[in-house]
Amino acid sequence: MFSSVILLRNSRQLGLISALIFATAVSLGLLVLRVIYSHTPQFSWLGWNLFLAWMPVLCALLAYNLARQRSKLAALVVFPCAVIWFFFFPNAPYLVIDMIHLKARPGLPFWYDLLLLLAFAWTGFFLGLVSLMLMQEVVRGRTNATLSWLFALVMICLASFGIYLGRFQRWNSWDVISNPLRLFFAAARPVRHPVTHLETVAFSVLFAFFLVAMYLMLRAVMNFHHEVGRN
């Protein structure tokens, strides 16, 4: 019975990862076709952004599986996985903001760039939602459902603020190591003086609502799927 449960869990994870890999392959394929057709490496940075979006889901999946093992060593590894996930999590929904680069360009259909950016945005966004769901389950296993939802909401708010720092102030996840003090003071300014940083506050709040809405939709679809499966 136990082995069948493990096999089922592993097959579901394999199915999830396979779907994410397929979406990634489609996105990269569209990018390669664009480079070949236009003879320019324009938008090639989308590949790097998508790579960064994979980091949180890989860390979350590792933490999720380790948290279910009954060993102290596994429990110790969960914490660094969670820390890495925390700093890279904003990189996943960040790809939605790359839609800002959409505009008509000569020699290439407008709809192709729209499809390209949408493919990367949706793939990165879904990678972020999946990683948040996994980390919420890790927290729920250690605490309770209420605290796990509080964790998810706080992470969404912090990620929205982090996306603003990345998009408009051009900070990166690795600046936590290379420029920690400068990053800290840059992040502290709008927190200490929100009135003089209304754009920062507005973006962070509105994007957080957007993330919450999309995350609730994902969880609702999953719950509905379980209900249908029992009928």
Protein backbone atom coordinates (compact mmCIF):
# COMPACT_ATOMS: atom_id res chain seq x y z
CA MET A 1 0.00 0.00 0.00
CA PHE A 2 2.79 2.42 0.98
CA SER A 3 4.77 1.67 -2.20
CA SER A 4 1.69 2.28 -4.36
CA VAL A 5 1.16 5.68 -2.72
CA ILE A 6 4.82 6.59 -3.36
CA LEU A 7 4.53 5.44 -6.97
CA LEU A 8 1.35 7.47 -7.47
CA ARG A 9 2.96 10.56 -5.95
CA ASN A 10 6.06 10.16 -8.11
CA SER A 11 3.99 9.64 -11.28
CA ARG A 12 2.00 12.80 -10.54
CA GLN A 13 5.20 14.77 -10.01
CA LEU A 14 6.62 13.34 -13.23
CA GLY A 15 3.47 14.39 -15.07
CA LEU A 16 3.70 17.90 -13.66
CA ILE A 17 7.39 18.29 -14.51
CA SER A 18 6.81 16.86 -17.98
CA ALA A 19 4.07 19.43 -18.64
CA LEU A 20 6.34 22.24 -17.46
CA ILE A 21 9.20 20.96 -19.61
CA PHE A 22 6.89 20.78 -22.64
CA ALA A 23 5.72 24.37 -22.07
CA THR A 24 9.36 25.42 -21.74
CA ALA A 25 10.28 23.61 -24.96
CA VAL A 26 7.43 25.31 -26.84
CA SER A 27 8.55 28.72 -25.54
CA LEU A 28 12.18 28.13 -26.47
CA GLY A 29 11.15 26.75 -29.85
CA LEU A 30 9.24 29.94 -30.61
CA LEU A 31 12.30 31.93 -29.58
CA VAL A 32 14.64 29.90 -31.81
CA LEU A 33 12.29 30.32 -34.77
CA ARG A 34 12.22 34.05 -34.20
CA VAL A 35 16.02 34.28 -34.10
CA ILE A 36 16.31 32.22 -37.30
CA TYR A 37 13.64 34.21 -39.14
CA SER A 38 14.77 37.67 -38.04
CA HIS A 39 18.53 36.92 -38.11
CA THR A 40 18.86 38.81 -34.81
CA PRO A 41 19.25 37.59 -31.22
CA GLN A 42 16.48 39.93 -30.07
CA PHE A 43 14.49 38.52 -27.12
CA SER A 44 17.23 35.95 -26.47
CA TRP A 45 17.28 37.15 -22.85
CA LEU A 46 13.90 35.45 -22.44
CA GLY A 47 15.75 32.14 -22.28
CA TRP A 48 17.80 33.33 -19.30
CA ASN A 49 14.69 34.69 -17.56
CA LEU A 50 12.96 31.35 -18.03
CA PHE A 51 15.97 29.53 -16.62
CA LEU A 52 15.74 31.71 -13.51
CA ALA A 53 12.02 30.93 -13.31
CA TRP A 54 12.87 27.22 -13.08
CA MET A 55 15.05 27.73 -10.01
CA PRO A 56 12.22 28.21 -7.48
CA VAL A 57 10.17 25.24 -8.70
CA LEU A 58 13.20 22.92 -8.54
CA CYS A 59 14.03 24.12 -5.02
CA ALA A 60 10.39 23.82 -3.96
CA LEU A 61 10.07 20.31 -5.38
CA LEU A 62 13.22 19.23 -3.56
CA ALA A 63 12.00 20.79 -0.30
CA TYR A 64 8.57 19.20 -0.75
CA ASN A 65 10.00 15.70 -1.16
CA LEU A 66 12.59 16.09 1.58
CA ALA A 67 9.95 17.34 4.02
CA ARG A 68 8.16 14.00 3.66
CA GLN A 69 11.18 11.97 4.68
CA ARG A 70 11.53 11.03 8.31
CA SER A 71 15.19 11.92 8.77
CA LYS A 72 16.96 14.79 10.47
CA LEU A 73 19.37 15.23 7.56
CA ALA A 74 16.50 15.69 5.13
CA ALA A 75 14.87 18.19 7.47
CA LEU A 76 18.10 20.20 7.61
CA VAL A 77 18.31 20.41 3.81
CA VAL A 78 14.75 21.76 3.57
CA PHE A 79 15.77 25.08 5.11
CA PRO A 80 18.48 26.06 2.55
CA CYS A 81 16.13 24.94 -0.24
CA ALA A 82 13.47 27.26 1.18
CA VAL A 83 15.93 30.16 1.41
CA ILE A 84 17.03 29.74 -2.21
CA TRP A 85 13.38 29.43 -3.25
CA PHE A 86 12.54 32.65 -1.40
CA PHE A 87 15.14 34.74 -3.25
CA PHE A 88 14.42 33.24 -6.68
CA PHE A 89 10.63 33.04 -6.43
CA PRO A 90 10.00 36.55 -7.88
CA ASN A 91 11.90 35.57 -11.04
CA ALA A 92 9.04 33.28 -12.11
CA PRO A 93 6.08 35.70 -12.15
CA TYR A 94 8.52 38.39 -13.32
CA LEU A 95 8.17 37.05 -16.88
CA VAL A 96 4.66 38.52 -17.00
CA ILE A 97 6.27 41.97 -16.83
CA ASP A 98 8.31 41.13 -19.94
CA MET A 99 5.11 41.82 -21.88
CA ILE A 100 6.16 45.47 -21.59
CA HIS A 101 8.53 44.81 -24.52
CA LEU A 102 5.67 44.01 -26.88
CA LYS A 103 5.46 46.39 -29.82
CA ALA A 104 5.21 46.27 -33.60
CA ARG A 105 8.56 45.62 -35.27
CA PRO A 106 9.36 45.69 -39.00
CA GLY A 107 9.90 42.41 -40.78
CA LEU A 108 8.04 40.25 -38.25
CA PRO A 109 4.29 39.80 -37.59
CA PHE A 110 3.06 41.49 -34.44
CA TRP A 111 1.07 38.41 -33.49
CA TYR A 112 4.22 36.27 -33.41
CA ASP A 113 5.90 38.43 -30.78
CA LEU A 114 2.62 38.46 -28.86
CA LEU A 115 2.51 34.66 -28.90
CA LEU A 116 6.20 34.44 -27.99
CA LEU A 117 5.93 36.73 -24.98
CA LEU A 118 2.68 35.11 -23.84
CA ALA A 119 4.30 31.66 -23.98
CA PHE A 120 7.21 32.75 -21.80
CA ALA A 121 4.98 34.77 -19.48
CA TRP A 122 2.53 31.94 -18.89
CA THR A 123 5.24 29.30 -18.47
CA GLY A 124 7.18 31.42 -15.98
CA PHE A 125 4.03 32.44 -14.16
CA PHE A 126 2.86 28.84 -13.82
CA LEU A 127 6.32 27.77 -12.62
CA GLY A 128 5.99 30.36 -9.87
CA LEU A 129 2.48 29.29 -8.86
CA VAL A 130 3.48 25.63 -8.72
CA SER A 131 6.54 26.41 -6.60
CA LEU A 132 4.41 28.47 -4.19
CA MET A 133 1.90 25.65 -3.93
CA LEU A 134 4.65 23.16 -3.08
CA MET A 135 6.18 25.45 -0.46
CA GLN A 136 2.76 26.09 1.05
CA GLU A 137 2.32 22.33 1.44
CA VAL A 138 5.71 22.13 3.16
CA VAL A 139 4.62 24.83 5.63
CA ARG A 140 1.23 23.18 6.12
CA GLY A 141 2.93 19.89 6.97
CA ARG A 142 5.01 21.63 9.64
CA THR A 143 2.26 23.91 11.03
CA ASN A 144 -1.39 24.03 9.93
CA ALA A 145 -3.61 25.14 7.04
CA THR A 146 -4.19 28.66 8.39
CA LEU A 147 -0.50 29.45 8.78
CA SER A 148 0.26 27.94 5.39
CA TRP A 149 -2.18 30.35 3.72
CA LEU A 150 -0.71 33.23 5.68
CA PHE A 151 2.71 32.14 4.41
CA ALA A 152 1.44 32.08 0.81
CA LEU A 153 -0.06 35.57 1.07
CA VAL A 154 3.07 37.04 2.63
CA MET A 155 5.27 35.45 -0.04
CA ILE A 156 3.04 36.85 -2.78
CA CYS A 157 3.27 40.35 -1.31
CA LEU A 158 7.06 40.14 -0.97
CA ALA A 159 7.41 38.72 -4.48
CA SER A 160 5.34 41.57 -5.93
CA PHE A 161 7.64 44.06 -4.23
CA GLY A 162 10.66 42.11 -5.45
CA ILE A 163 9.35 42.21 -9.02
CA TYR A 164 9.13 45.99 -8.79
CA LEU A 165 12.73 46.14 -7.57
CA GLY A 166 13.82 43.94 -10.45
CA ARG A 167 11.83 45.55 -13.24
CA PHE A 168 12.12 49.25 -12.40
CA GLN A 169 15.22 49.45 -10.18
CA ARG A 170 17.07 46.63 -11.99
CA TRP A 171 18.04 44.60 -8.96
CA ASN A 172 18.72 40.85 -9.36
CA SER A 173 18.40 37.85 -7.07
CA TRP A 174 22.17 37.47 -6.80
CA ASP A 175 22.48 41.03 -5.49
CA VAL A 176 21.48 39.52 -2.16
CA ILE A 177 25.04 38.14 -2.07
CA SER A 178 26.98 40.67 -4.18
CA ASN A 179 25.33 43.90 -2.95
CA PRO A 180 23.30 43.05 0.17
CA LEU A 181 23.56 46.46 1.87
CA ARG A 182 22.68 48.49 -1.21
CA LEU A 183 19.77 46.17 -1.93
CA PHE A 184 18.57 46.44 1.66
CA PHE A 185 18.57 50.24 1.62
CA ALA A 186 16.92 50.33 -1.80
CA ALA A 187 14.15 48.06 -0.52
CA ALA A 188 13.83 49.96 2.76
CA ARG A 189 13.24 53.39 1.20
CA PRO A 190 9.70 52.76 -0.12
CA VAL A 191 8.84 50.89 3.08
CA ARG A 192 9.93 53.79 5.28
CA HIS A 193 8.54 56.51 3.00
CA PRO A 194 5.53 55.04 1.15
CA VAL A 195 4.02 58.47 0.42
CA THR A 196 7.01 59.50 -1.68
CA HIS A 197 7.07 56.10 -3.43
CA LEU A 198 3.44 55.80 -4.48
CA GLU A 199 4.28 54.02 -7.74
CA THR A 200 6.16 51.34 -5.84
CA VAL A 201 3.28 50.84 -3.44
CA ALA A 202 0.64 50.86 -6.19
CA PHE A 203 2.52 48.36 -8.36
CA SER A 204 3.27 46.03 -5.44
CA VAL A 205 -0.32 46.05 -4.16
CA LEU A 206 -1.97 45.63 -7.56
CA PHE A 207 0.42 42.91 -8.72
CA ALA A 208 -0.10 41.13 -5.39
CA PHE A 209 -3.86 41.11 -5.99
CA PHE A 210 -3.22 39.75 -9.48
CA LEU A 211 -1.01 36.98 -8.09
CA VAL A 212 -3.51 36.11 -5.36
CA ALA A 213 -6.33 35.87 -7.91
CA MET A 214 -4.33 33.57 -10.19
CA TYR A 215 -3.14 31.42 -7.27
CA LEU A 216 -6.66 31.01 -5.91
CA MET A 217 -7.82 29.97 -9.37
CA LEU A 218 -5.09 27.32 -9.51
CA ARG A 219 -6.01 25.94 -6.09
CA ALA A 220 -9.71 26.01 -6.96
CA VAL A 221 -9.11 24.04 -10.17
CA MET A 222 -7.09 21.47 -8.22
CA ASN A 223 -9.82 21.09 -5.59
CA PHE A 224 -12.45 20.72 -8.30
CA HIS A 225 -10.30 18.08 -10.00
CA HIS A 226 -10.19 16.08 -6.76
CA GLU A 227 -13.98 16.35 -6.46
CA VAL A 228 -14.49 15.14 -10.02
CA GLY A 229 -12.05 12.29 -9.43
CA ARG A 230 -14.08 11.02 -6.47
CA ASN A 231 -17.33 10.87 -8.50
